[in-house]
Amino acid sequence: FLHSLNLKMASQGASLQNYNNELVQSIEDLRQKREEVNRQILKEEEDKAKIQKELSILTDRLQSLNGSLIRKTQARNEYDKTIQETEAAYMKILESSQTLLHVLKRETVNLTKKRQGSD
């Protein structure tokens, strides 16, 4: 009976040792998987920080360009307005010059007729 008990306990001890070995191996596997995930997290956090910095730089550039575009668009609109006003004034000057020329020609003809009539 004792011999059979010793064999049974030895068998249970061996099984317990096998379970222990498997448990230790499983924990080690989980730790390795955790470390791999942790490395990935660190890499992605580094990538995220780089992208945030680039985004900040690009956002600043975008704001600068928007400000520049607003100022330049206003300047262009002022040029357009000045050109329009100048062209309109120039057309009036041309019309006035044309009218003045017609008046001058008519007066010259009238003066010539009067002079010829008085001769």
Foldseek 3Di string as FASTA:
>chain_A
DVVVVVVVVVVVVVVVVVVVVVVVVVVVVVVVVVVVVVVVVVVVVVVVVVVVVVVVVVVVVVVVVVVVVVVVVVVVVVVVVVVVVVVVVVVVVVVVVVVVVVVVVVVVVVVVVVVVVVD
